[in-house]
Amino acid sequence: MIDLHTHSLLSDGELLPSELVRRAVVKGYQAIAITDHVDVSNMDWVVSRLMKDCDELKRYFPIEIIPGVEVTHVPPERIQPLAEEARKLGAKIVVVHGETIVEPVAPGTNLKALQSPIDILAHPGLITEDEVLLAKENGIMLEITARKGHSLTNGHVAQLALKMGAGLVLNTDAHSPEDLITHDQARNIALGAGLNEEDFSRLRMNARELLERIG
């Protein structure tokens, strides 16, 4: 399992980074990105803490650990500058909180995110064909999510991504211990979204290729 979207108590998660990583190891994870929620109020603090914590944890755990951020519920016009700032501060993965149907995300968030230097658009809800095509053109991965509520539109996202040839990754958006999943659970979530075994293998390859791209 490669999970590129999780949260620690540096934002609204329940676990310290060390416990989150330990539990991921026990679940059989190969890699985990800690992508705590950020906006202008906490960006510098969160990124600096995660970079320090991840460097420390890499010394003790047999797993790739990547410091990142999830730009969350910001005005759409602020997404690009905040993504650029996260990169400058050292975030290795930049996720944007997409237009999930279960939260009041500002309209236009998906579009502005896909025009920005990000890696993953998380739980993009009722994303449009034009937006999916933009994700493909800009090499941005769309997320199939294991998280309750956000997962309601997984089938829609999967269908359009397959149609338009956009890349998909499967993440947990974990906030608590029970949110972490096994390989078999990930497979079932992918199949439940209407993907097949070959598609699931491609999801895993996409995650690995993204890790290689960010170094």
C-alpha atoms as a PDB file:
ATOM      1  CA  MET A   1       0.000   0.000   0.000  1.00  0.00           C
ATOM      2  CA  ILE A   2       1.221   3.454  -0.949  1.00  0.00           C
ATOM      3  CA  ASP A   3      -0.905   6.105   0.735  1.00  0.00           C
ATOM      4  CA  LEU A   4      -0.236   9.688  -0.330  1.00  0.00           C
ATOM      5  CA  HIS A   5      -2.916  11.489   1.696  1.00  0.00           C
ATOM      6  CA  THR A   6      -3.040  11.190   5.495  1.00  0.00           C
ATOM      7  CA  HIS A   7      -3.313  13.496   8.506  1.00  0.00           C
ATOM      8  CA  SER A   8      -1.640  13.693  11.902  1.00  0.00           C
ATOM      9  CA  LEU A   9      -2.526  15.776  14.938  1.00  0.00           C
ATOM     10  CA  LEU A  10      -0.512  18.600  13.403  1.00  0.00           C
ATOM     11  CA  SER A  11      -3.872  19.346  11.797  1.00  0.00           C
ATOM     12  CA  ASP A  12      -7.074  17.407  12.504  1.00  0.00           C
ATOM     13  CA  GLY A  13      -5.772  13.852  12.694  1.00  0.00           C
ATOM     14  CA  GLU A  14      -5.808  11.825  15.895  1.00  0.00           C
ATOM     15  CA  LEU A  15      -2.252  10.459  15.844  1.00  0.00           C
ATOM     16  CA  LEU A  16       1.250  11.769  16.287  1.00  0.00           C
ATOM     17  CA  PRO A  17       3.304  11.328  13.114  1.00  0.00           C
ATOM     18  CA  SER A  18       5.279   8.557  14.799  1.00  0.00           C
ATOM     19  CA  GLU A  19       2.183   6.525  15.685  1.00  0.00           C
ATOM     20  CA  LEU A  20       0.662   7.116  12.259  1.00  0.00           C
ATOM     21  CA  VAL A  21       3.812   5.751  10.634  1.00  0.00           C
ATOM     22  CA  ARG A  22       4.078   2.809  13.034  1.00  0.00           C
ATOM     23  CA  ARG A  23       0.495   1.789  12.355  1.00  0.00           C
ATOM     24  CA  ALA A  24       1.091   2.101   8.607  1.00  0.00           C
ATOM     25  CA  VAL A  25       4.074  -0.227   8.882  1.00  0.00           C
ATOM     26  CA  VAL A  26       1.952  -2.802  10.713  1.00  0.00           C
ATOM     27  CA  LYS A  27      -0.662  -2.562   7.931  1.00  0.00           C
ATOM     28  CA  GLY A  28       2.005  -3.442   5.403  1.00  0.00           C
ATOM     29  CA  TYR A  29       2.481  -0.007   3.865  1.00  0.00           C
ATOM     30  CA  GLN A  30       5.432   0.630   1.564  1.00  0.00           C
ATOM     31  CA  ALA A  31       5.095   4.419   1.690  1.00  0.00           C
ATOM     32  CA  ILE A  32       3.041   7.073   3.426  1.00  0.00           C
ATOM     33  CA  ALA A  33       2.716  10.817   2.885  1.00  0.00           C
ATOM     34  CA  ILE A  34       1.645  12.951   5.830  1.00  0.00           C
ATOM     35  CA  THR A  35      -0.319  15.776   4.256  1.00  0.00           C
ATOM     36  CA  ASP A  36      -1.774  17.890   7.013  1.00  0.00           C
ATOM     37  CA  HIS A  37      -4.363  20.566   6.274  1.00  0.00           C
ATOM     38  CA  VAL A  38      -2.943  24.024   5.610  1.00  0.00           C
ATOM     39  CA  ASP A  39      -3.924  27.533   4.653  1.00  0.00           C
ATOM     40  CA  VAL A  40      -2.042  30.804   5.038  1.00  0.00           C
ATOM     41  CA  SER A  41      -2.353  30.656   8.846  1.00  0.00           C
ATOM     42  CA  ASN A  42      -0.270  27.521   9.448  1.00  0.00           C
ATOM     43  CA  MET A  43       1.601  26.657   6.237  1.00  0.00           C
ATOM     44  CA  ASP A  44       5.125  27.470   7.406  1.00  0.00           C
ATOM     45  CA  TRP A  45       4.701  25.798  10.795  1.00  0.00           C
ATOM     46  CA  VAL A  46       3.165  22.578   9.472  1.00  0.00           C
ATOM     47  CA  VAL A  47       5.686  22.101   6.668  1.00  0.00           C
ATOM     48  CA  SER A  48       8.692  22.761   8.901  1.00  0.00           C
ATOM     49  CA  ARG A  49       7.416  20.370  11.584  1.00  0.00           C
ATOM     50  CA  LEU A  50       6.604  17.599   9.114  1.00  0.00           C
ATOM     51  CA  MET A  51       9.963  17.884   7.383  1.00  0.00           C
ATOM     52  CA  LYS A  52      11.740  17.541  10.727  1.00  0.00           C
ATOM     53  CA  ASP A  53       9.492  14.690  11.906  1.00  0.00           C
ATOM     54  CA  CYS A  54       9.743  12.739   8.641  1.00  0.00           C
ATOM     55  CA  ASP A  55      13.538  13.032   8.575  1.00  0.00           C
ATOM     56  CA  GLU A  56      13.631  11.670  12.118  1.00  0.00           C
ATOM     57  CA  LEU A  57      11.201   8.825  11.490  1.00  0.00           C
ATOM     58  CA  LYS A  58      12.966   7.665   8.325  1.00  0.00           C
ATOM     59  CA  ARG A  59      15.872   6.592  10.511  1.00  0.00           C
ATOM     60  CA  TYR A  60      13.785   4.063  12.415  1.00  0.00           C
ATOM     61  CA  PHE A  61      10.974   2.756  10.219  1.00  0.00           C
ATOM     62  CA  PRO A  62      11.255   0.539   7.098  1.00  0.00           C
ATOM     63  CA  ILE A  63       8.915   2.682   5.022  1.00  0.00           C
ATOM     64  CA  GLU A  64       9.094   5.721   2.758  1.00  0.00           C
ATOM     65  CA  ILE A  65       7.784   8.766   4.643  1.00  0.00           C
ATOM     66  CA  ILE A  66       6.987  11.905   2.695  1.00  0.00           C
ATOM     67  CA  PRO A  67       6.192  15.345   4.152  1.00  0.00           C
ATOM     68  CA  GLY A  68       3.376  17.125   2.352  1.00  0.00           C
ATOM     69  CA  VAL A  69       0.344  19.349   2.705  1.00  0.00           C
ATOM     70  CA  GLU A  70      -3.324  19.423   1.813  1.00  0.00           C
ATOM     71  CA  VAL A  71      -4.385  22.941   0.869  1.00  0.00           C
ATOM     72  CA  THR A  72      -7.875  23.021   2.323  1.00  0.00           C
ATOM     73  CA  HIS A  73     -10.984  25.218   1.988  1.00  0.00           C
ATOM     74  CA  VAL A  74      -9.100  28.285   0.784  1.00  0.00           C
ATOM     75  CA  PRO A  75     -10.532  30.766  -1.737  1.00  0.00           C
ATOM     76  CA  PRO A  76      -9.865  29.252  -5.168  1.00  0.00           C
ATOM     77  CA  GLU A  77      -7.705  32.174  -6.266  1.00  0.00           C
ATOM     78  CA  ARG A  78      -5.375  31.485  -3.325  1.00  0.00           C
ATOM     79  CA  ILE A  79      -4.650  27.875  -4.285  1.00  0.00           C
ATOM     80  CA  GLN A  80      -1.834  28.532  -6.741  1.00  0.00           C
ATOM     81  CA  PRO A  81       0.211  30.897  -4.522  1.00  0.00           C
ATOM     82  CA  LEU A  82      -0.224  28.606  -1.534  1.00  0.00           C
ATOM     83  CA  ALA A  83       0.844  25.560  -3.556  1.00  0.00           C
ATOM     84  CA  GLU A  84       3.904  27.460  -4.742  1.00  0.00           C
ATOM     85  CA  GLU A  85       4.693  28.507  -1.173  1.00  0.00           C
ATOM     86  CA  ALA A  86       4.390  24.913   0.047  1.00  0.00           C
ATOM     87  CA  ARG A  87       6.940  23.849  -2.578  1.00  0.00           C
ATOM     88  CA  LYS A  88       9.344  26.612  -1.541  1.00  0.00           C
ATOM     89  CA  LEU A  89       9.067  25.573   2.096  1.00  0.00           C
ATOM     90  CA  GLY A  90       9.941  21.972   1.210  1.00  0.00           C
ATOM     91  CA  ALA A  91       6.672  20.052   0.933  1.00  0.00           C
ATOM     92  CA  LYS A  92       7.317  17.008  -1.269  1.00  0.00           C
ATOM     93  CA  ILE A  93       3.667  16.324  -2.091  1.00  0.00           C
ATOM     94  CA  VAL A  94       1.009  18.993  -2.529  1.00  0.00           C
ATOM     95  CA  VAL A  95      -2.606  17.851  -2.329  1.00  0.00           C
ATOM     96  CA  VAL A  96      -5.641  20.099  -2.734  1.00  0.00           C
ATOM     97  CA  HIS A  97      -8.926  19.410  -0.956  1.00  0.00           C
ATOM     98  CA  GLY A  98     -11.268  18.993  -3.910  1.00  0.00           C
ATOM     99  CA  GLU A  99     -14.970  19.683  -4.313  1.00  0.00           C
ATOM    100  CA  THR A 100     -16.309  16.748  -2.311  1.00  0.00           C
ATOM    101  CA  ILE A 101     -20.095  16.686  -2.189  1.00  0.00           C
ATOM    102  CA  VAL A 102     -20.134  16.299   1.610  1.00  0.00           C
ATOM    103  CA  GLU A 103     -18.429  19.596   2.505  1.00  0.00           C
ATOM    104  CA  PRO A 104     -19.063  23.217   1.428  1.00  0.00           C
ATOM    105  CA  VAL A 105     -15.972  23.538  -0.744  1.00  0.00           C
ATOM    106  CA  ALA A 106     -15.968  26.734  -2.803  1.00  0.00           C
ATOM    107  CA  PRO A 107     -17.044  26.257  -6.425  1.00  0.00           C
ATOM    108  CA  GLY A 108     -14.092  26.626  -8.739  1.00  0.00           C
ATOM    109  CA  THR A 109     -11.705  24.853  -6.371  1.00  0.00           C
ATOM    110  CA  ASN A 110     -11.169  21.885  -8.687  1.00  0.00           C
ATOM    111  CA  LEU A 111     -10.391  24.096 -11.682  1.00  0.00           C
ATOM    112  CA  LYS A 112      -7.980  26.397  -9.868  1.00  0.00           C
ATOM    113  CA  ALA A 113      -6.250  23.418  -8.265  1.00  0.00           C
ATOM    114  CA  LEU A 114      -5.727  21.768 -11.638  1.00  0.00           C
ATOM    115  CA  GLN A 115      -4.175  24.982 -12.940  1.00  0.00           C
ATOM    116  CA  SER A 116      -1.686  24.987 -10.050  1.00  0.00           C
ATOM    117  CA  PRO A 117       1.597  23.138  -9.356  1.00  0.00           C
ATOM    118  CA  ILE A 118       0.083  20.299  -7.339  1.00  0.00           C
ATOM    119  CA  ASP A 119       0.366  16.516  -7.346  1.00  0.00           C
ATOM    120  CA  ILE A 120      -3.069  15.224  -6.314  1.00  0.00           C
ATOM    121  CA  LEU A 121      -6.605  16.581  -6.393  1.00  0.00           C
ATOM    122  CA  ALA A 122      -8.261  14.824  -3.479  1.00  0.00           C
ATOM    123  CA  HIS A 123     -11.875  13.612  -3.524  1.00  0.00           C
ATOM    124  CA  PRO A 124     -12.862  15.869  -6.454  1.00  0.00           C
ATOM    125  CA  GLY A 125     -16.578  15.125  -6.229  1.00  0.00           C
ATOM    126  CA  LEU A 126     -18.588  15.742  -9.388  1.00  0.00           C
ATOM    127  CA  ILE A 127     -15.566  16.776 -11.403  1.00  0.00           C
ATOM    128  CA  THR A 128     -16.268  17.670 -15.031  1.00  0.00           C
ATOM    129  CA  GLU A 129     -14.850  16.123 -18.196  1.00  0.00           C
ATOM    130  CA  ASP A 130     -12.978  19.334 -19.004  1.00  0.00           C
ATOM    131  CA  GLU A 131     -11.403  19.316 -15.544  1.00  0.00           C
ATOM    132  CA  VAL A 132     -10.404  15.666 -15.875  1.00  0.00           C
ATOM    133  CA  LEU A 133      -8.779  16.467 -19.225  1.00  0.00           C
ATOM    134  CA  LEU A 134      -6.885  19.325 -17.562  1.00  0.00           C
ATOM    135  CA  ALA A 135      -5.659  16.917 -14.880  1.00  0.00           C
ATOM    136  CA  LYS A 136      -4.362  14.631 -17.611  1.00  0.00           C
ATOM    137  CA  GLU A 137      -2.636  17.483 -19.454  1.00  0.00           C
ATOM    138  CA  ASN A 138      -0.951  18.753 -16.282  1.00  0.00           C
ATOM    139  CA  GLY A 139       0.029  15.342 -14.895  1.00  0.00           C
ATOM    140  CA  ILE A 140      -2.095  15.739 -11.763  1.00  0.00           C
ATOM    141  CA  MET A 141      -3.483  12.598 -10.170  1.00  0.00           C
ATOM    142  CA  LEU A 142      -7.143  12.331  -9.254  1.00  0.00           C
ATOM    143  CA  GLU A 143      -7.985  10.532  -6.042  1.00  0.00           C
ATOM    144  CA  ILE A 144     -10.079   7.480  -5.408  1.00  0.00           C
ATOM    145  CA  THR A 145     -10.622   7.745  -1.672  1.00  0.00           C
ATOM    146  CA  ALA A 146     -11.274   5.285   1.115  1.00  0.00           C
ATOM    147  CA  ARG A 147     -12.754   7.991   3.329  1.00  0.00           C
ATOM    148  CA  LYS A 148     -16.426   7.796   4.210  1.00  0.00           C
ATOM    149  CA  GLY A 149     -18.542  10.484   2.604  1.00  0.00           C
ATOM    150  CA  HIS A 150     -15.878  11.615   0.180  1.00  0.00           C
ATOM    151  CA  SER A 151     -15.993   8.147  -1.398  1.00  0.00           C
ATOM    152  CA  LEU A 152     -19.580   8.622  -2.574  1.00  0.00           C
ATOM    153  CA  THR A 153     -18.355   9.980  -5.919  1.00  0.00           C
ATOM    154  CA  ASN A 154     -15.515   7.489  -6.470  1.00  0.00           C
ATOM    155  CA  GLY A 155     -17.437   5.831  -9.293  1.00  0.00           C
ATOM    156  CA  HIS A 156     -17.946   9.130 -11.105  1.00  0.00           C
ATOM    157  CA  VAL A 157     -14.281  10.064 -10.762  1.00  0.00           C
ATOM    158  CA  ALA A 158     -13.114   6.639 -11.905  1.00  0.00           C
ATOM    159  CA  GLN A 159     -15.439   6.579 -14.910  1.00  0.00           C
ATOM    160  CA  LEU A 160     -14.353   9.989 -16.207  1.00  0.00           C
ATOM    161  CA  ALA A 161     -10.675   9.327 -15.545  1.00  0.00           C
ATOM    162  CA  LEU A 162     -10.826   6.126 -17.583  1.00  0.00           C
ATOM    163  CA  LYS A 163     -12.731   7.885 -20.363  1.00  0.00           C
ATOM    164  CA  MET A 164     -10.317  10.834 -20.564  1.00  0.00           C
ATOM    165  CA  GLY A 165      -7.111   8.952 -19.793  1.00  0.00           C
ATOM    166  CA  ALA A 166      -6.311  10.807 -16.560  1.00  0.00           C
ATOM    167  CA  GLY A 167      -4.199   9.303 -13.792  1.00  0.00           C
ATOM    168  CA  LEU A 168      -5.732   7.917 -10.612  1.00  0.00           C
ATOM    169  CA  VAL A 169      -4.309   7.097  -7.200  1.00  0.00           C
ATOM    170  CA  LEU A 170      -6.030   5.489  -4.222  1.00  0.00           C
ATOM    171  CA  ASN A 171      -5.524   7.105  -0.807  1.00  0.00           C
ATOM    172  CA  THR A 172      -7.154   6.835   2.600  1.00  0.00           C
ATOM    173  CA  ASP A 173      -7.324  10.485   3.733  1.00  0.00           C
ATOM    174  CA  ALA A 174      -6.710   8.863   7.120  1.00  0.00           C
ATOM    175  CA  HIS A 175      -7.497  10.897  10.233  1.00  0.00           C
ATOM    176  CA  SER A 176      -7.710   8.049  12.767  1.00  0.00           C
ATOM    177  CA  PRO A 177      -6.203   4.573  13.287  1.00  0.00           C
ATOM    178  CA  GLU A 178      -9.129   2.729  11.756  1.00  0.00           C
ATOM    179  CA  ASP A 179      -8.819   4.739   8.535  1.00  0.00           C
ATOM    180  CA  LEU A 180      -5.609   2.986   7.497  1.00  0.00           C
ATOM    181  CA  ILE A 181      -6.274   0.058   5.167  1.00  0.00           C
ATOM    182  CA  THR A 182      -4.641  -3.089   3.846  1.00  0.00           C
ATOM    183  CA  HIS A 183      -3.816  -3.925   0.247  1.00  0.00           C
ATOM    184  CA  ASP A 184      -6.906  -6.134   0.033  1.00  0.00           C
ATOM    185  CA  GLN A 185      -9.148  -3.361   1.329  1.00  0.00           C
ATOM    186  CA  ALA A 186      -7.666  -0.965  -1.216  1.00  0.00           C
ATOM    187  CA  ARG A 187      -8.376  -3.479  -3.968  1.00  0.00           C
ATOM    188  CA  ASN A 188     -11.997  -3.802  -2.877  1.00  0.00           C
ATOM    189  CA  ILE A 189     -12.437  -0.026  -2.850  1.00  0.00           C
ATOM    190  CA  ALA A 190     -11.055   0.185  -6.380  1.00  0.00           C
ATOM    191  CA  LEU A 191     -13.322  -2.600  -7.614  1.00  0.00           C
ATOM    192  CA  GLY A 192     -16.254  -0.975  -5.866  1.00  0.00           C
ATOM    193  CA  ALA A 193     -15.582   2.206  -7.828  1.00  0.00           C
ATOM    194  CA  GLY A 194     -16.024   0.263 -11.060  1.00  0.00           C
ATOM    195  CA  LEU A 195     -12.356  -0.355 -11.786  1.00  0.00           C
ATOM    196  CA  ASN A 196     -10.948  -3.760 -12.730  1.00  0.00           C
ATOM    197  CA  GLU A 197      -7.837  -5.630 -11.641  1.00  0.00           C
ATOM    198  CA  GLU A 198      -5.722  -4.050 -14.373  1.00  0.00           C
ATOM    199  CA  ASP A 199      -6.930  -0.603 -13.361  1.00  0.00           C
ATOM    200  CA  PHE A 200      -6.040  -1.323  -9.737  1.00  0.00           C
ATOM    201  CA  SER A 201      -2.524  -2.313 -10.754  1.00  0.00           C
ATOM    202  CA  ARG A 202      -2.284   0.955 -12.684  1.00  0.00           C
ATOM    203  CA  LEU A 203      -3.336   2.906  -9.582  1.00  0.00           C
ATOM    204  CA  ARG A 204      -0.478   1.363  -7.654  1.00  0.00           C
ATOM    205  CA  MET A 205       1.979   2.068 -10.462  1.00  0.00           C
ATOM    206  CA  ASN A 206       0.797   5.684 -10.604  1.00  0.00           C
ATOM    207  CA  ALA A 207       1.518   6.106  -6.906  1.00  0.00           C
ATOM    208  CA  ARG A 208       4.989   4.635  -7.310  1.00  0.00           C
ATOM    209  CA  GLU A 209       5.706   6.814 -10.342  1.00  0.00           C
ATOM    210  CA  LEU A 210       4.614   9.885  -8.416  1.00  0.00           C
ATOM    211  CA  LEU A 211       7.005   9.011  -5.611  1.00  0.00           C
ATOM    212  CA  GLU A 212       9.821   8.627  -8.128  1.00  0.00           C
ATOM    213  CA  ARG A 213       8.946  11.945  -9.739  1.00  0.00           C
ATOM    214  CA  ILE A 214       9.134  13.890  -6.495  1.00  0.00           C
ATOM    215  CA  GLY A 215      12.401  12.198  -5.553  1.00  0.00           C
END
